[in-house]
Amino acid sequence: MKAISFLVFFLLVSFSGFSQGGTPYDPNAMGYVLTEKDSILSDTIRLPEITISKEKQDPEARKQYIILQNRVYRTYPYAKLAADRLTNLNIGMARLSSEREKKRYFKIVEDYLTNEFEARLKKLSRSQGRILVKLIHRQTGKTTYELVKTLKSGWKAFWSNTAASMFDINLKSEYKPFETNEDYLIENILKEAFETGRLQNQPAASPVNVDRLNEYWDAKLSAKP
């Protein structure tokens, strides 16, 4: 638990620029209300017919897919929030002229997110944290490492990544659905969740053509001996 809490502290740094001071907290605004009862057993899950392996009906593959699906459901709202707040941050910063005003602004943001989201983020598992880092890149177009570096300093970003790597989480991780099978599955999970209303759709920083993505992976997996 201490290890996860330590990692979440650095994830919070990346969120520290994504909120405007004085904004009231509304959990429904994320499109999904996170509760302590959230678990894979409490969701009714529709499993779309996509290629997980050459054997579509492999029980273990289906089990792993459902586990991944639950992790995406749990972490996507935070990634969506990060992208929303990044837009607000850029608007807010454009209105400030002095470094003193900017520092005060960042302090308000950091206090807000620490008070509102730290307890929830600490409950994320290591695997959920790894998916969150990928989804942040999907939604913002920037890695968590880049966001920390921009909002704080390169030194802070270096140590954040070093600490995260101790728990198998690389803050430089990118979302690459055409290269990584897990990211391909995540994209299909999101597509299904958006269509069913399970998650609130927010365009990715670099939109993915899911039909072309599926054709690519079908061809790739079919070519394997």
C-alpha atoms as a PDB file:
ATOM      1  CA  MET A   1       0.000   0.000   0.000  1.00  0.00           C
ATOM      2  CA  LYS A   2       2.849   2.400   0.793  1.00  0.00           C
ATOM      3  CA  ALA A   3       4.337   1.735  -2.621  1.00  0.00           C
ATOM      4  CA  ILE A   4       1.077   2.526  -4.387  1.00  0.00           C
ATOM      5  CA  SER A   5       0.536   5.655  -2.289  1.00  0.00           C
ATOM      6  CA  PHE A   6       4.041   6.821  -3.140  1.00  0.00           C
ATOM      7  CA  LEU A   7       3.388   6.343  -6.858  1.00  0.00           C
ATOM      8  CA  VAL A   8       0.009   8.089  -6.682  1.00  0.00           C
ATOM      9  CA  PHE A   9       1.710  11.144  -5.189  1.00  0.00           C
ATOM     10  CA  PHE A  10       3.649  11.558  -8.419  1.00  0.00           C
ATOM     11  CA  LEU A  11       0.588  10.882 -10.561  1.00  0.00           C
ATOM     12  CA  LEU A  12      -1.103  13.712  -8.682  1.00  0.00           C
ATOM     13  CA  VAL A  13       1.686  16.017  -9.794  1.00  0.00           C
ATOM     14  CA  SER A  14       0.674  15.399 -13.383  1.00  0.00           C
ATOM     15  CA  PHE A  15      -2.903  16.330 -12.505  1.00  0.00           C
ATOM     16  CA  SER A  16      -1.825  19.478 -10.680  1.00  0.00           C
ATOM     17  CA  GLY A  17      -2.398  21.680 -13.702  1.00  0.00           C
ATOM     18  CA  PHE A  18      -5.759  20.367 -14.687  1.00  0.00           C
ATOM     19  CA  SER A  19      -8.234  22.313 -12.570  1.00  0.00           C
ATOM     20  CA  GLN A  20      -9.392  25.866 -12.113  1.00  0.00           C
ATOM     21  CA  GLY A  21      -9.467  27.298  -8.612  1.00  0.00           C
ATOM     22  CA  GLY A  22     -12.909  27.518  -7.032  1.00  0.00           C
ATOM     23  CA  THR A  23     -14.518  24.938  -9.298  1.00  0.00           C
ATOM     24  CA  PRO A  24     -16.969  22.846  -7.244  1.00  0.00           C
ATOM     25  CA  TYR A  25     -16.422  19.101  -7.278  1.00  0.00           C
ATOM     26  CA  ASP A  26     -19.049  17.222  -9.259  1.00  0.00           C
ATOM     27  CA  PRO A  27     -18.373  13.462  -9.543  1.00  0.00           C
ATOM     28  CA  ASN A  28     -21.028  13.113 -12.232  1.00  0.00           C
ATOM     29  CA  ALA A  29     -19.075  15.461 -14.483  1.00  0.00           C
ATOM     30  CA  MET A  30     -16.583  12.687 -15.150  1.00  0.00           C
ATOM     31  CA  GLY A  31     -19.277  10.530 -16.710  1.00  0.00           C
ATOM     32  CA  TYR A  32     -18.726   7.770 -14.164  1.00  0.00           C
ATOM     33  CA  VAL A  33     -19.109   8.006 -10.402  1.00  0.00           C
ATOM     34  CA  LEU A  34     -16.283   6.140  -8.697  1.00  0.00           C
ATOM     35  CA  THR A  35     -17.263   4.339  -5.521  1.00  0.00           C
ATOM     36  CA  GLU A  36     -15.567   1.992  -3.102  1.00  0.00           C
ATOM     37  CA  LYS A  37     -17.862  -0.798  -4.297  1.00  0.00           C
ATOM     38  CA  ASP A  38     -16.521  -0.687  -7.851  1.00  0.00           C
ATOM     39  CA  SER A  39     -15.234  -4.104  -8.817  1.00  0.00           C
ATOM     40  CA  ILE A  40     -15.288  -6.543 -11.677  1.00  0.00           C
ATOM     41  CA  LEU A  41     -18.106  -8.411  -9.940  1.00  0.00           C
ATOM     42  CA  SER A  42     -20.399  -5.389  -9.690  1.00  0.00           C
ATOM     43  CA  ASP A  43     -20.464  -4.633 -13.420  1.00  0.00           C
ATOM     44  CA  THR A  44     -22.608  -6.238 -16.066  1.00  0.00           C
ATOM     45  CA  ILE A  45     -20.175  -6.456 -18.937  1.00  0.00           C
ATOM     46  CA  ARG A  46     -20.937  -6.874 -22.623  1.00  0.00           C
ATOM     47  CA  LEU A  47     -17.975  -8.586 -24.217  1.00  0.00           C
ATOM     48  CA  PRO A  48     -17.604  -7.501 -27.855  1.00  0.00           C
ATOM     49  CA  GLU A  49     -16.512 -10.012 -30.466  1.00  0.00           C
ATOM     50  CA  ILE A  50     -12.979  -8.901 -31.242  1.00  0.00           C
ATOM     51  CA  THR A  51      -9.848 -10.870 -31.830  1.00  0.00           C
ATOM     52  CA  ILE A  52      -8.044 -11.447 -28.559  1.00  0.00           C
ATOM     53  CA  SER A  53      -6.006 -14.337 -29.879  1.00  0.00           C
ATOM     54  CA  LYS A  54      -6.296 -16.843 -32.699  1.00  0.00           C
ATOM     55  CA  GLU A  55      -8.760 -18.681 -30.445  1.00  0.00           C
ATOM     56  CA  LYS A  56     -11.538 -16.178 -29.825  1.00  0.00           C
ATOM     57  CA  GLN A  57     -13.297 -18.392 -27.302  1.00  0.00           C
ATOM     58  CA  ASP A  58     -10.226 -19.185 -25.199  1.00  0.00           C
ATOM     59  CA  PRO A  59     -11.523 -18.920 -21.586  1.00  0.00           C
ATOM     60  CA  GLU A  60      -8.302 -17.501 -20.153  1.00  0.00           C
ATOM     61  CA  ALA A  61      -8.073 -14.873 -22.899  1.00  0.00           C
ATOM     62  CA  ARG A  62     -11.675 -13.832 -22.239  1.00  0.00           C
ATOM     63  CA  LYS A  63     -10.980 -13.635 -18.509  1.00  0.00           C
ATOM     64  CA  GLN A  64      -7.938 -11.421 -19.054  1.00  0.00           C
ATOM     65  CA  TYR A  65      -9.950  -9.227 -21.424  1.00  0.00           C
ATOM     66  CA  ILE A  66     -12.663  -8.681 -18.806  1.00  0.00           C
ATOM     67  CA  ILE A  67     -10.026  -7.779 -16.215  1.00  0.00           C
ATOM     68  CA  LEU A  68      -8.535  -5.246 -18.637  1.00  0.00           C
ATOM     69  CA  GLN A  69     -12.013  -3.923 -19.370  1.00  0.00           C
ATOM     70  CA  ASN A  70     -12.624  -3.260 -15.689  1.00  0.00           C
ATOM     71  CA  ARG A  71      -9.297  -1.421 -15.369  1.00  0.00           C
ATOM     72  CA  VAL A  72     -10.213   0.810 -18.299  1.00  0.00           C
ATOM     73  CA  TYR A  73     -13.630   1.567 -16.816  1.00  0.00           C
ATOM     74  CA  ARG A  74     -11.971   2.526 -13.545  1.00  0.00           C
ATOM     75  CA  THR A  75      -9.224   4.781 -14.935  1.00  0.00           C
ATOM     76  CA  TYR A  76     -10.626   6.403 -18.083  1.00  0.00           C
ATOM     77  CA  PRO A  77     -12.625   9.055 -16.164  1.00  0.00           C
ATOM     78  CA  TYR A  78      -9.388  10.335 -14.621  1.00  0.00           C
ATOM     79  CA  ALA A  79      -7.667  10.510 -18.010  1.00  0.00           C
ATOM     80  CA  LYS A  80     -10.670  12.359 -19.425  1.00  0.00           C
ATOM     81  CA  LEU A  81     -10.534  14.759 -16.509  1.00  0.00           C
ATOM     82  CA  ALA A  82      -6.832  15.351 -17.147  1.00  0.00           C
ATOM     83  CA  ALA A  83      -7.519  16.371 -20.747  1.00  0.00           C
ATOM     84  CA  ASP A  84     -10.375  18.664 -19.699  1.00  0.00           C
ATOM     85  CA  ARG A  85      -8.272  20.347 -17.073  1.00  0.00           C
ATOM     86  CA  LEU A  86      -5.301  20.707 -19.417  1.00  0.00           C
ATOM     87  CA  THR A  87      -7.514  22.747 -21.738  1.00  0.00           C
ATOM     88  CA  ASN A  88      -8.718  24.861 -18.815  1.00  0.00           C
ATOM     89  CA  LEU A  89      -5.159  25.302 -17.607  1.00  0.00           C
ATOM     90  CA  ASN A  90      -4.016  26.693 -20.946  1.00  0.00           C
ATOM     91  CA  ILE A  91      -6.937  29.128 -20.959  1.00  0.00           C
ATOM     92  CA  GLY A  92      -6.306  30.168 -17.361  1.00  0.00           C
ATOM     93  CA  MET A  93      -2.559  30.587 -17.787  1.00  0.00           C
ATOM     94  CA  ALA A  94      -3.069  32.784 -20.838  1.00  0.00           C
ATOM     95  CA  ARG A  95      -4.853  35.288 -18.596  1.00  0.00           C
ATOM     96  CA  LEU A  96      -2.002  35.526 -16.083  1.00  0.00           C
ATOM     97  CA  SER A  97       0.910  37.861 -16.594  1.00  0.00           C
ATOM     98  CA  SER A  98       3.206  37.511 -13.570  1.00  0.00           C
ATOM     99  CA  GLU A  99       5.087  34.505 -12.216  1.00  0.00           C
ATOM    100  CA  ARG A 100       3.607  35.199  -8.799  1.00  0.00           C
ATOM    101  CA  GLU A 101       0.078  34.862 -10.167  1.00  0.00           C
ATOM    102  CA  LYS A 102       1.006  31.623 -11.942  1.00  0.00           C
ATOM    103  CA  LYS A 103       2.527  30.094  -8.806  1.00  0.00           C
ATOM    104  CA  ARG A 104      -0.538  31.025  -6.780  1.00  0.00           C
ATOM    105  CA  TYR A 105      -2.748  29.520  -9.491  1.00  0.00           C
ATOM    106  CA  PHE A 106      -0.812  26.248  -9.445  1.00  0.00           C
ATOM    107  CA  LYS A 107      -1.059  26.102  -5.664  1.00  0.00           C
ATOM    108  CA  ILE A 108      -4.836  26.429  -5.772  1.00  0.00           C
ATOM    109  CA  VAL A 109      -5.000  23.695  -8.406  1.00  0.00           C
ATOM    110  CA  GLU A 110      -2.752  21.346  -6.459  1.00  0.00           C
ATOM    111  CA  ASP A 111      -4.672  21.796  -3.213  1.00  0.00           C
ATOM    112  CA  TYR A 112      -7.973  21.221  -4.991  1.00  0.00           C
ATOM    113  CA  LEU A 113      -6.923  17.958  -6.587  1.00  0.00           C
ATOM    114  CA  THR A 114      -5.147  16.665  -3.534  1.00  0.00           C
ATOM    115  CA  ASN A 115      -8.262  17.199  -1.394  1.00  0.00           C
ATOM    116  CA  GLU A 116     -10.727  15.860  -3.945  1.00  0.00           C
ATOM    117  CA  PHE A 117      -8.955  12.989  -5.671  1.00  0.00           C
ATOM    118  CA  GLU A 118      -5.959  11.782  -3.676  1.00  0.00           C
ATOM    119  CA  ALA A 119      -7.964   9.300  -1.610  1.00  0.00           C
ATOM    120  CA  ARG A 120      -9.543   7.821  -4.733  1.00  0.00           C
ATOM    121  CA  LEU A 121      -6.289   7.603  -6.669  1.00  0.00           C
ATOM    122  CA  LYS A 122      -4.601   5.831  -3.775  1.00  0.00           C
ATOM    123  CA  LYS A 123      -7.088   3.016  -4.192  1.00  0.00           C
ATOM    124  CA  LEU A 124      -5.887   2.290  -7.720  1.00  0.00           C
ATOM    125  CA  SER A 125      -3.837  -0.862  -8.074  1.00  0.00           C
ATOM    126  CA  ARG A 126      -0.449  -0.966  -9.792  1.00  0.00           C
ATOM    127  CA  SER A 127      -2.089  -2.413 -12.915  1.00  0.00           C
ATOM    128  CA  GLN A 128      -4.748   0.300 -12.935  1.00  0.00           C
ATOM    129  CA  GLY A 129      -2.042   2.946 -12.541  1.00  0.00           C
ATOM    130  CA  ARG A 130      -0.238   1.546 -15.580  1.00  0.00           C
ATOM    131  CA  ILE A 131      -3.425   1.753 -17.670  1.00  0.00           C
ATOM    132  CA  LEU A 132      -4.077   5.278 -16.399  1.00  0.00           C
ATOM    133  CA  VAL A 133      -0.671   6.442 -17.639  1.00  0.00           C
ATOM    134  CA  LYS A 134      -1.493   5.086 -21.110  1.00  0.00           C
ATOM    135  CA  LEU A 135      -4.937   6.690 -21.165  1.00  0.00           C
ATOM    136  CA  ILE A 136      -3.536  10.052 -20.108  1.00  0.00           C
ATOM    137  CA  HIS A 137      -1.319   9.927 -23.202  1.00  0.00           C
ATOM    138  CA  ARG A 138      -4.328   8.936 -25.340  1.00  0.00           C
ATOM    139  CA  GLN A 139      -6.428  11.847 -24.140  1.00  0.00           C
ATOM    140  CA  THR A 140      -3.824  14.614 -23.842  1.00  0.00           C
ATOM    141  CA  GLY A 141      -1.257  13.649 -26.471  1.00  0.00           C
ATOM    142  CA  LYS A 142       1.421  13.954 -23.791  1.00  0.00           C
ATOM    143  CA  THR A 143       2.991  11.351 -21.541  1.00  0.00           C
ATOM    144  CA  THR A 144       2.632  11.732 -17.791  1.00  0.00           C
ATOM    145  CA  TYR A 145       6.382  12.352 -17.666  1.00  0.00           C
ATOM    146  CA  GLU A 146       6.058  15.241 -20.148  1.00  0.00           C
ATOM    147  CA  LEU A 147       3.212  16.758 -18.156  1.00  0.00           C
ATOM    148  CA  VAL A 148       5.202  16.603 -14.931  1.00  0.00           C
ATOM    149  CA  LYS A 149       8.213  18.110 -16.700  1.00  0.00           C
ATOM    150  CA  THR A 150       6.143  20.951 -18.140  1.00  0.00           C
ATOM    151  CA  LEU A 151       4.218  21.756 -14.977  1.00  0.00           C
ATOM    152  CA  LYS A 152       7.045  21.320 -12.486  1.00  0.00           C
ATOM    153  CA  SER A 153      10.587  20.731 -13.704  1.00  0.00           C
ATOM    154  CA  GLY A 154      12.725  18.267 -15.588  1.00  0.00           C
ATOM    155  CA  TRP A 155      14.326  17.216 -12.302  1.00  0.00           C
ATOM    156  CA  LYS A 156      10.955  16.410 -10.758  1.00  0.00           C
ATOM    157  CA  ALA A 157       9.963  14.483 -13.890  1.00  0.00           C
ATOM    158  CA  PHE A 158      13.163  12.437 -13.735  1.00  0.00           C
ATOM    159  CA  TRP A 159      12.576  11.386 -10.139  1.00  0.00           C
ATOM    160  CA  SER A 160       8.888  10.756 -10.765  1.00  0.00           C
ATOM    161  CA  ASN A 161       9.742   8.324 -13.547  1.00  0.00           C
ATOM    162  CA  THR A 162      12.470   6.684 -11.477  1.00  0.00           C
ATOM    163  CA  ALA A 163      10.077   6.116  -8.570  1.00  0.00           C
ATOM    164  CA  ALA A 164       7.317   4.783 -10.827  1.00  0.00           C
ATOM    165  CA  SER A 165       9.699   2.373 -12.568  1.00  0.00           C
ATOM    166  CA  MET A 166      10.297   0.718  -9.208  1.00  0.00           C
ATOM    167  CA  PHE A 167       6.679  -0.439  -9.339  1.00  0.00           C
ATOM    168  CA  ASP A 168       6.687  -1.426 -13.029  1.00  0.00           C
ATOM    169  CA  ILE A 169       5.065   1.798 -14.183  1.00  0.00           C
ATOM    170  CA  ASN A 170       6.845   3.925 -16.754  1.00  0.00           C
ATOM    171  CA  LEU A 171       5.538   7.505 -16.812  1.00  0.00           C
ATOM    172  CA  LYS A 172       6.948   7.808 -20.340  1.00  0.00           C
ATOM    173  CA  SER A 173       4.586   5.102 -21.589  1.00  0.00           C
ATOM    174  CA  GLU A 174       2.730   5.991 -24.788  1.00  0.00           C
ATOM    175  CA  TYR A 175      -0.568   4.735 -26.129  1.00  0.00           C
ATOM    176  CA  LYS A 176       0.142   2.825 -29.359  1.00  0.00           C
ATOM    177  CA  PRO A 177      -2.834   0.689 -30.436  1.00  0.00           C
ATOM    178  CA  PHE A 178      -1.226  -0.218 -33.770  1.00  0.00           C
ATOM    179  CA  GLU A 179       1.884  -1.524 -32.026  1.00  0.00           C
ATOM    180  CA  THR A 180       0.768  -2.923 -28.680  1.00  0.00           C
ATOM    181  CA  ASN A 181      -1.888  -5.612 -28.399  1.00  0.00           C
ATOM    182  CA  GLU A 182      -3.074  -4.348 -25.017  1.00  0.00           C
ATOM    183  CA  ASP A 183      -3.618  -0.857 -26.423  1.00  0.00           C
ATOM    184  CA  TYR A 184      -5.539  -2.358 -29.334  1.00  0.00           C
ATOM    185  CA  LEU A 185      -7.840  -4.100 -26.863  1.00  0.00           C
ATOM    186  CA  ILE A 186      -8.224  -0.900 -24.829  1.00  0.00           C
ATOM    187  CA  GLU A 187      -9.349   0.999 -27.931  1.00  0.00           C
ATOM    188  CA  ASN A 188     -12.064  -1.591 -28.592  1.00  0.00           C
ATOM    189  CA  ILE A 189     -13.125  -1.529 -24.951  1.00  0.00           C
ATOM    190  CA  LEU A 190     -13.501   2.251 -25.144  1.00  0.00           C
ATOM    191  CA  LYS A 191     -15.440   2.084 -28.401  1.00  0.00           C
ATOM    192  CA  GLU A 192     -17.900  -0.374 -26.888  1.00  0.00           C
ATOM    193  CA  ALA A 193     -18.200   1.664 -23.675  1.00  0.00           C
ATOM    194  CA  PHE A 194     -18.914   4.872 -25.628  1.00  0.00           C
ATOM    195  CA  GLU A 195     -21.561   3.191 -27.788  1.00  0.00           C
ATOM    196  CA  THR A 196     -23.373   1.709 -24.787  1.00  0.00           C
ATOM    197  CA  GLY A 197     -23.090   4.853 -22.683  1.00  0.00           C
ATOM    198  CA  ARG A 198     -20.915   3.116 -20.096  1.00  0.00           C
ATOM    199  CA  LEU A 199     -18.304   5.863 -20.466  1.00  0.00           C
ATOM    200  CA  GLN A 200     -18.625   9.434 -21.681  1.00  0.00           C
ATOM    201  CA  ASN A 201     -16.797   9.893 -24.968  1.00  0.00           C
ATOM    202  CA  GLN A 202     -14.059  12.469 -25.248  1.00  0.00           C
ATOM    203  CA  PRO A 203     -12.108  12.603 -28.539  1.00  0.00           C
ATOM    204  CA  ALA A 204      -8.571  11.348 -28.215  1.00  0.00           C
ATOM    205  CA  ALA A 205      -5.693  13.718 -28.909  1.00  0.00           C
ATOM    206  CA  SER A 206      -4.946  11.569 -31.973  1.00  0.00           C
ATOM    207  CA  PRO A 207      -8.202   9.827 -33.000  1.00  0.00           C
ATOM    208  CA  VAL A 208      -7.958   6.170 -33.984  1.00  0.00           C
ATOM    209  CA  ASN A 209      -9.864   4.573 -36.854  1.00  0.00           C
ATOM    210  CA  VAL A 210     -11.094   1.462 -35.037  1.00  0.00           C
ATOM    211  CA  ASP A 211     -12.194  -0.339 -38.212  1.00  0.00           C
ATOM    212  CA  ARG A 212      -8.741   0.065 -39.715  1.00  0.00           C
ATOM    213  CA  LEU A 213      -7.197  -0.923 -36.385  1.00  0.00           C
ATOM    214  CA  ASN A 214      -9.190  -4.157 -36.256  1.00  0.00           C
ATOM    215  CA  GLU A 215      -8.326  -4.994 -39.860  1.00  0.00           C
ATOM    216  CA  TYR A 216      -4.654  -4.447 -39.069  1.00  0.00           C
ATOM    217  CA  TRP A 217      -4.673  -6.771 -36.061  1.00  0.00           C
ATOM    218  CA  ASP A 218      -6.829  -9.410 -37.798  1.00  0.00           C
ATOM    219  CA  ALA A 219      -4.279  -9.548 -40.607  1.00  0.00           C
ATOM    220  CA  LYS A 220      -1.337  -9.554 -38.200  1.00  0.00           C
ATOM    221  CA  LEU A 221      -2.691 -12.350 -36.032  1.00  0.00           C
ATOM    222  CA  SER A 222      -3.841 -14.404 -39.023  1.00  0.00           C
ATOM    223  CA  ALA A 223      -0.334 -14.255 -40.462  1.00  0.00           C
ATOM    224  CA  LYS A 224       1.141 -15.933 -37.385  1.00  0.00           C
ATOM    225  CA  PRO A 225       1.953 -19.649 -37.817  1.00  0.00           C
END
